């Protein structure tokens, strides 16, 4: 559903923020996918490809990135789930014991948007 897709999209956005994806991040993403019962590998591969394209297109300017984040957050209506997403993206940034400045910036944008909407 849209909420699951939004949650996974935000996780992938954090993963891609510093232009490198570590094994720890991939393992953490696998845990998120298991928790959200995302679907089969082919379905997920297609979804990730579309998300990566959308993220790459949004990197051209901050307004596009803000819109990407806003579009995701709009699909997460419940406060309880928003709180879980905040914890998830913070953990994603810290999973390899170092949060890059790019990851910190994205995490801050996501949290601020989650709190506003």
Protein backbone atom coordinates (compact mmCIF):
# COMPACT_ATOMS: atom_id res chain seq x y z
CA UNK A 1 0.00 0.00 0.00
CA UNK A 2 0.96 3.66 -0.23
CA UNK A 3 2.05 3.95 3.39
CA UNK A 4 4.47 1.02 3.10
CA UNK A 5 5.86 2.48 -0.11
CA UNK A 6 6.34 5.87 1.54
CA UNK A 7 8.17 4.36 4.51
CA UNK A 8 10.50 2.35 2.28
CA UNK A 9 11.06 5.39 0.01
CA UNK A 10 12.18 7.51 2.96
CA UNK A 11 14.54 4.77 4.12
CA UNK A 12 16.06 4.53 0.64
CA UNK A 13 16.38 8.33 0.47
CA UNK A 14 18.45 8.29 3.67
CA UNK A 15 20.53 5.37 2.37
CA UNK A 16 21.34 7.19 -0.87
CA UNK A 17 21.98 10.59 0.71
CA UNK A 18 25.73 10.13 1.01
CA UNK A 19 26.08 8.34 -2.36
CA UNK A 20 27.24 5.11 -0.70
CA UNK A 21 25.25 2.22 0.68
CA UNK A 22 26.92 0.05 3.31
CA UNK A 23 26.16 -3.56 4.15
CA UNK A 24 24.76 -2.43 7.50
CA UNK A 25 22.25 -0.20 5.70
CA UNK A 26 21.20 -3.04 3.40
CA UNK A 27 20.72 -5.34 6.40
CA UNK A 28 18.64 -2.68 8.18
CA UNK A 29 16.54 -2.20 5.04
CA UNK A 30 15.93 -5.96 4.93
CA UNK A 31 14.60 -5.74 8.50
CA UNK A 32 12.28 -2.89 7.51
CA UNK A 33 11.04 -4.90 4.53
CA UNK A 34 10.39 -7.96 6.69
CA UNK A 35 8.48 -5.85 9.22
CA UNK A 36 6.34 -4.25 6.51
CA UNK A 37 5.82 -7.50 4.56
CA UNK A 38 6.67 -5.69 1.34
CA UNK A 39 6.33 -8.47 -1.19
CA UNK A 40 8.36 -10.64 -3.51
CA UNK A 41 11.81 -9.82 -4.86
CA UNK A 42 10.67 -8.87 -8.37
CA UNK A 43 8.01 -6.50 -7.06
CA UNK A 44 10.52 -4.95 -4.68
CA UNK A 45 13.22 -4.62 -7.35
CA UNK A 46 10.81 -2.72 -9.61
CA UNK A 47 9.76 -0.50 -6.72
CA UNK A 48 13.36 0.29 -5.70
CA UNK A 49 14.26 1.13 -9.29
CA UNK A 50 11.38 3.60 -9.52
CA UNK A 51 12.26 5.14 -6.14
CA UNK A 52 15.93 5.51 -7.08
CA UNK A 53 14.94 7.30 -10.29
CA UNK A 54 12.61 9.63 -8.37
CA UNK A 55 15.33 10.35 -5.80
CA UNK A 56 17.93 11.05 -8.50
CA UNK A 57 15.52 13.42 -10.22
CA UNK A 58 14.78 15.16 -6.91
CA UNK A 59 18.49 15.72 -6.20
CA UNK A 60 18.68 18.42 -8.87
CA UNK A 61 17.22 21.02 -6.52
CA UNK A 62 15.99 21.22 -2.95
CA UNK A 63 12.40 22.03 -3.99
CA UNK A 64 12.16 18.72 -5.87
CA UNK A 65 13.61 16.89 -2.89
CA UNK A 66 11.20 18.65 -0.54
CA UNK A 67 8.32 17.60 -2.79
CA UNK A 68 9.54 13.98 -2.81
CA UNK A 69 9.65 14.00 1.00
CA UNK A 70 6.25 15.72 1.26
CA UNK A 71 4.66 13.23 -1.13
CA UNK A 72 5.96 10.38 1.03
CA UNK A 73 4.91 11.98 4.33
CA UNK A 74 1.37 12.64 3.06
CA UNK A 75 0.96 8.86 2.84
CA UNK A 76 1.83 8.39 6.52
CA UNK A 77 -1.20 9.85 8.35
CA UNK A 78 -0.95 8.26 11.81
CA UNK A 79 1.12 9.95 14.52
CA UNK A 80 2.23 6.60 15.93
CA UNK A 81 3.58 5.50 12.54
CA UNK A 82 5.25 8.89 12.03
CA UNK A 83 7.07 8.43 15.34
CA UNK A 84 8.19 4.97 14.22
CA UNK A 85 9.43 6.42 10.92
CA UNK A 86 11.45 9.08 12.77
CA UNK A 87 13.13 6.35 14.81
CA UNK A 88 13.67 4.25 11.69
CA UNK A 89 15.37 6.98 9.66
CA UNK A 90 17.56 8.02 12.60
CA UNK A 91 18.59 4.38 12.99
CA UNK A 92 19.23 4.10 9.25
CA UNK A 93 21.61 7.05 9.46
CA UNK A 94 23.41 5.62 12.49
CA UNK A 95 23.44 1.94 11.49
CA UNK A 96 27.05 2.04 10.27
CA UNK A 97 28.13 4.05 13.36
CA UNK A 98 28.54 7.25 11.40
CA UNK A 99 25.93 9.63 10.06
CA UNK A 100 27.28 11.65 7.16
CA UNK A 101 26.45 15.36 6.84
CA UNK A 102 24.30 14.55 3.78
CA UNK A 103 22.37 11.91 5.74
CA UNK A 104 21.93 14.31 8.67
CA UNK A 105 20.50 16.97 6.35
CA UNK A 106 18.00 14.54 4.78
CA UNK A 107 17.01 13.10 8.17
CA UNK A 108 16.38 16.60 9.51
CA UNK A 109 14.22 17.49 6.47
CA UNK A 110 12.18 14.31 6.84
CA UNK A 111 11.65 14.78 10.58
CA UNK A 112 10.62 18.42 10.14
CA UNK A 113 8.14 17.45 7.43
CA UNK A 114 6.72 14.57 9.50
CA UNK A 115 6.15 16.96 12.40
CA UNK A 116 4.44 19.58 10.20
CA UNK A 117 2.03 17.35 8.27
